[in-house]
Amino acid sequence: MTESTDPLDPWTARLLRLGEGISPEAARTFVQDLYTHAQADLDEKRAEAEFEREE
């Protein structure tokens, strides 16, 4: 069996192990949303830091 290269798979699997009654689709959606928001926050911080360096 080959390992998945999707970085969200381990987090989805971990979430599924934490509680019963969570559907794989709901867990995957939650992890994707969390990742998207975290990435947006990082992008914003990087943009602010770049702006500060340029001034």
N, C-alpha and C. Protein backbone atom coordinates (compact mmCIF):
# COMPACT_ATOMS: atom_id res chain seq x y z
N MET A 1 0.84 -1.17 0.00
CA MET A 1 0.00 0.00 0.00
C MET A 1 0.89 1.24 0.00
N THR A 2 0.54 2.24 -0.81
CA THR A 2 1.33 3.46 -0.89
C THR A 2 0.76 4.50 0.07
N GLU A 3 1.66 5.31 0.60
CA GLU A 3 1.23 6.37 1.49
C GLU A 3 0.71 7.54 0.69
N SER A 4 -0.30 8.19 1.21
CA SER A 4 -0.87 9.36 0.56
C SER A 4 0.09 10.53 0.69
N THR A 5 0.15 11.36 -0.33
CA THR A 5 0.98 12.55 -0.29
C THR A 5 0.19 13.78 0.12
N ASP A 6 -1.10 13.60 0.36
CA ASP A 6 -1.95 14.71 0.77
C ASP A 6 -1.65 15.04 2.23
N PRO A 7 -1.19 16.28 2.51
CA PRO A 7 -0.83 16.61 3.90
C PRO A 7 -2.02 16.67 4.85
N LEU A 8 -3.24 16.70 4.32
CA LEU A 8 -4.41 16.76 5.18
C LEU A 8 -4.86 15.38 5.66
N ASP A 9 -4.45 14.33 4.98
CA ASP A 9 -4.88 12.97 5.34
C ASP A 9 -4.53 12.58 6.79
N PRO A 10 -3.30 12.81 7.25
CA PRO A 10 -2.99 12.43 8.64
C PRO A 10 -3.84 13.19 9.66
N TRP A 11 -4.12 14.46 9.38
CA TRP A 11 -4.92 15.26 10.31
C TRP A 11 -6.38 14.81 10.29
N THR A 12 -6.87 14.45 9.12
CA THR A 12 -8.24 13.94 9.03
C THR A 12 -8.35 12.63 9.81
N ALA A 13 -7.39 11.75 9.62
CA ALA A 13 -7.39 10.46 10.33
C ALA A 13 -7.30 10.68 11.84
N ARG A 14 -6.48 11.63 12.24
CA ARG A 14 -6.34 11.92 13.68
C ARG A 14 -7.65 12.43 14.27
N LEU A 15 -8.33 13.30 13.54
CA LEU A 15 -9.62 13.81 14.00
C LEU A 15 -10.64 12.68 14.11
N LEU A 16 -10.64 11.79 13.15
CA LEU A 16 -11.59 10.67 13.18
C LEU A 16 -11.33 9.75 14.38
N ARG A 17 -10.08 9.63 14.79
CA ARG A 17 -9.75 8.79 15.96
C ARG A 17 -10.18 9.43 17.27
N LEU A 18 -10.35 10.75 17.28
CA LEU A 18 -10.67 11.46 18.52
C LEU A 18 -12.11 11.30 18.97
N GLY A 19 -13.00 11.06 18.04
CA GLY A 19 -14.39 10.97 18.46
C GLY A 19 -15.22 10.09 17.56
N GLU A 20 -16.19 9.49 18.17
CA GLU A 20 -17.12 8.66 17.42
C GLU A 20 -18.22 9.54 16.82
N GLY A 21 -18.78 9.10 15.74
CA GLY A 21 -19.90 9.81 15.15
C GLY A 21 -19.51 10.91 14.18
N ILE A 22 -18.24 11.10 13.93
CA ILE A 22 -17.80 12.09 12.96
C ILE A 22 -17.66 11.37 11.62
N SER A 23 -18.37 11.87 10.62
CA SER A 23 -18.25 11.24 9.32
C SER A 23 -16.92 11.63 8.68
N PRO A 24 -16.36 10.75 7.87
CA PRO A 24 -15.10 11.08 7.19
C PRO A 24 -15.21 12.35 6.35
N GLU A 25 -16.37 12.57 5.73
CA GLU A 25 -16.56 13.76 4.91
C GLU A 25 -16.55 15.03 5.77
N ALA A 26 -17.22 14.97 6.93
CA ALA A 26 -17.26 16.11 7.83
C ALA A 26 -15.87 16.39 8.40
N ALA A 27 -15.15 15.35 8.75
CA ALA A 27 -13.79 15.53 9.27
C ALA A 27 -12.89 16.15 8.21
N ARG A 28 -12.99 15.66 6.99
CA ARG A 28 -12.18 16.18 5.89
C ARG A 28 -12.51 17.66 5.63
N THR A 29 -13.79 18.00 5.64
CA THR A 29 -14.20 19.38 5.41
C THR A 29 -13.67 20.28 6.52
N PHE A 30 -13.76 19.83 7.77
CA PHE A 30 -13.26 20.61 8.90
C PHE A 30 -11.76 20.85 8.76
N VAL A 31 -11.01 19.81 8.45
CA VAL A 31 -9.56 19.92 8.32
C VAL A 31 -9.21 20.86 7.16
N GLN A 32 -9.92 20.75 6.05
CA GLN A 32 -9.66 21.64 4.92
C GLN A 32 -9.94 23.09 5.29
N ASP A 33 -11.05 23.35 5.96
CA ASP A 33 -11.40 24.71 6.37
C ASP A 33 -10.35 25.27 7.33
N LEU A 34 -9.95 24.46 8.29
CA LEU A 34 -8.95 24.89 9.26
C LEU A 34 -7.63 25.22 8.55
N TYR A 35 -7.22 24.35 7.64
CA TYR A 35 -5.98 24.57 6.90
C TYR A 35 -6.07 25.85 6.07
N THR A 36 -7.19 26.06 5.40
CA THR A 36 -7.38 27.24 4.56
C THR A 36 -7.28 28.52 5.38
N HIS A 37 -7.94 28.53 6.53
CA HIS A 37 -7.89 29.72 7.39
C HIS A 37 -6.50 29.94 7.98
N ALA A 38 -5.84 28.88 8.37
CA ALA A 38 -4.49 29.01 8.92
C ALA A 38 -3.53 29.53 7.85
N GLN A 39 -3.67 29.03 6.63
CA GLN A 39 -2.82 29.48 5.54
C GLN A 39 -3.07 30.95 5.23
N ALA A 40 -4.32 31.38 5.26
CA ALA A 40 -4.65 32.79 5.01
C ALA A 40 -4.03 33.67 6.10
N ASP A 41 -4.08 33.23 7.35
CA ASP A 41 -3.46 33.99 8.44
C ASP A 41 -1.95 34.11 8.23
N LEU A 42 -1.32 33.01 7.85
CA LEU A 42 0.12 33.05 7.60
C LEU A 42 0.46 33.98 6.43
N ASP A 43 -0.33 33.91 5.38
CA ASP A 43 -0.10 34.77 4.22
C ASP A 43 -0.23 36.24 4.61
N GLU A 44 -1.20 36.55 5.45
CA GLU A 44 -1.39 37.92 5.90
C GLU A 44 -0.19 38.39 6.73
N LYS A 45 0.29 37.54 7.62
CA LYS A 45 1.45 37.90 8.44
C LYS A 45 2.69 38.08 7.58
N ARG A 46 2.86 37.22 6.58
CA ARG A 46 4.01 37.36 5.68
C ARG A 46 3.92 38.66 4.88
N ALA A 47 2.73 39.01 4.43
CA ALA A 47 2.55 40.25 3.68
C ALA A 47 2.86 41.46 4.56
N GLU A 48 2.41 41.42 5.81
CA GLU A 48 2.70 42.51 6.74
C GLU A 48 4.21 42.62 6.98
N ALA A 49 4.87 41.50 7.17
CA ALA A 49 6.31 41.52 7.40
C ALA A 49 7.05 42.04 6.17
N GLU A 50 6.62 41.64 5.01
CA GLU A 50 7.24 42.12 3.76
C GLU A 50 7.04 43.63 3.63
N PHE A 51 5.86 44.12 3.94
CA PHE A 51 5.56 45.55 3.89
C PHE A 51 6.46 46.31 4.85
N GLU A 52 6.64 45.77 6.06
CA GLU A 52 7.50 46.42 7.05
C GLU A 52 8.96 46.46 6.59
N ARG A 53 9.41 45.40 5.94
CA ARG A 53 10.80 45.37 5.45
C ARG A 53 11.01 46.39 4.34
N GLU A 54 10.00 46.61 3.52
CA GLU A 54 10.14 47.52 2.39
C GLU A 54 10.12 48.99 2.81
N GLU A 55 9.55 49.27 3.97
CA GLU A 55 9.48 50.67 4.41
C GLU A 55 10.73 51.13 5.08
